[in-house]
C-alpha atoms as a PDB file:
ATOM      1  CA  MET A   1      37.818 -13.855  52.259  1.00  0.00           C
ATOM      2  CA  MET A   2      40.326 -12.663  52.228  1.00  0.00           C
ATOM      3  CA  SER A   3      43.788 -13.253  54.849  1.00  0.00           C
ATOM      4  CA  HIS A   4      44.524 -10.712  56.814  1.00  0.00           C
ATOM      5  CA  GLU A   5      48.850 -11.312  54.780  1.00  0.00           C
ATOM      6  CA  LEU A   6      47.221 -10.957  51.337  1.00  0.00           C
ATOM      7  CA  SER A   7      45.355  -7.971  52.418  1.00  0.00           C
ATOM      8  CA  ALA A   8      48.095  -6.397  54.084  1.00  0.00           C
ATOM      9  CA  ALA A   9      50.261  -7.504  51.248  1.00  0.00           C
ATOM     10  CA  LEU A  10      48.227  -5.522  48.915  1.00  0.00           C
ATOM     11  CA  CYS A  11      47.951  -2.517  50.371  1.00  0.00           C
ATOM     12  CA  LEU A  12      51.956  -2.508  50.342  1.00  0.00           C
ATOM     13  CA  VAL A  13      51.397  -3.056  46.576  1.00  0.00           C
ATOM     14  CA  ALA A  14      49.224   0.475  46.689  1.00  0.00           C
ATOM     15  CA  VAL A  15      51.729   2.211  48.699  1.00  0.00           C
ATOM     16  CA  ILE A  16      54.643   1.235  46.805  1.00  0.00           C
ATOM     17  CA  GLU A  17      52.663   1.900  43.017  1.00  0.00           C
ATOM     18  CA  GLY A  18      51.676   5.412  44.995  1.00  0.00           C
ATOM     19  CA  LEU A  19      55.256   6.246  45.742  1.00  0.00           C
ATOM     20  CA  VAL A  20      56.780   5.679  42.655  1.00  0.00           C
ATOM     21  CA  LEU A  21      53.921   7.907  40.840  1.00  0.00           C
ATOM     22  CA  PHE A  22      54.622  10.463  43.629  1.00  0.00           C
ATOM     23  CA  ALA A  23      58.311  10.408  43.226  1.00  0.00           C
ATOM     24  CA  MET A  24      58.831   9.800  39.603  1.00  0.00           C
ATOM     25  CA  PRO A  25      56.251  10.344  37.346  1.00  0.00           C
ATOM     26  CA  ARG A  26      57.607  11.838  34.742  1.00  0.00           C
ATOM     27  CA  GLY A  27      59.820   8.443  34.544  1.00  0.00           C
ATOM     28  CA  TRP A  28      56.438   6.537  34.996  1.00  0.00           C
ATOM     29  CA  GLN A  29      55.201   7.894  31.703  1.00  0.00           C
ATOM     30  CA  ARG A  30      58.511   7.215  29.689  1.00  0.00           C
ATOM     31  CA  MET A  31      57.977   3.655  31.007  1.00  0.00           C
ATOM     32  CA  MET A  32      54.786   2.912  29.875  1.00  0.00           C
ATOM     33  CA  ARG A  33      55.147   4.751  26.906  1.00  0.00           C
ATOM     34  CA  GLN A  34      58.200   2.077  26.164  1.00  0.00           C
ATOM     35  CA  ALA A  35      55.765  -0.721  27.168  1.00  0.00           C
ATOM     36  CA  ALA A  36      52.933   0.157  24.721  1.00  0.00           C
ATOM     37  CA  GLU A  37      55.639  -0.392  22.010  1.00  0.00           C
ATOM     38  CA  MET A  38      56.603  -3.364  23.033  1.00  0.00           C
ATOM     39  CA  PRO A  39      54.652  -6.568  21.473  1.00  0.00           C
ATOM     40  CA  PRO A  40      52.416  -8.896  23.449  1.00  0.00           C
ATOM     41  CA  ARG A  41      54.923 -11.518  23.910  1.00  0.00           C
ATOM     42  CA  MET A  42      57.796  -9.296  25.804  1.00  0.00           C
ATOM     43  CA  LEU A  43      55.321  -8.252  28.162  1.00  0.00           C
ATOM     44  CA  ARG A  44      54.166 -11.619  29.336  1.00  0.00           C
ATOM     45  CA  ILE A  45      57.489 -13.002  29.154  1.00  0.00           C
ATOM     46  CA  THR A  46      58.263  -9.786  31.562  1.00  0.00           C
ATOM     47  CA  GLY A  47      55.185 -10.734  33.928  1.00  0.00           C
ATOM     48  CA  ALA A  48      56.040 -14.228  34.135  1.00  0.00           C
ATOM     49  CA  VAL A  49      59.415 -13.250  35.049  1.00  0.00           C
ATOM     50  CA  ALA A  50      57.923 -10.773  37.220  1.00  0.00           C
ATOM     51  CA  VAL A  51      55.652 -13.602  39.106  1.00  0.00           C
ATOM     52  CA  ILE A  52      58.698 -16.385  39.365  1.00  0.00           C
ATOM     53  CA  GLY A  53      60.588 -13.882  40.866  1.00  0.00           C
ATOM     54  CA  GLY A  54      58.528 -12.735  43.412  1.00  0.00           C
ATOM     55  CA  LEU A  55      57.276 -16.061  44.204  1.00  0.00           C
ATOM     56  CA  ALA A  56      61.307 -17.037  44.844  1.00  0.00           C
ATOM     57  CA  LEU A  57      62.198 -13.874  47.283  1.00  0.00           C
ATOM     58  CA  LEU A  58      58.745 -14.800  49.020  1.00  0.00           C
ATOM     59  CA  GLN A  59      59.388 -18.131  49.537  1.00  0.00           C
ATOM     60  CA  LEU A  60      63.308 -16.750  50.510  1.00  0.00           C
ATOM     61  CA  VAL A  61      61.546 -13.723  53.231  1.00  0.00           C
ATOM     62  CA  LYS A  62      59.364 -16.952  54.574  1.00  0.00           C
END
């Protein structure tokens, strides 16, 4: 069973993703094309940095 906070966080992720697609669909498409051209290693590094940065920010907020 998911906690209330995790459910709320996932809902906020969906809202933010939807806002980006609604506000700038062409920019999102351009970004996805650029991401498709990146090597998998660079995508993994970028993802790891995003996870670590997000966790660090979460600790600061809490």
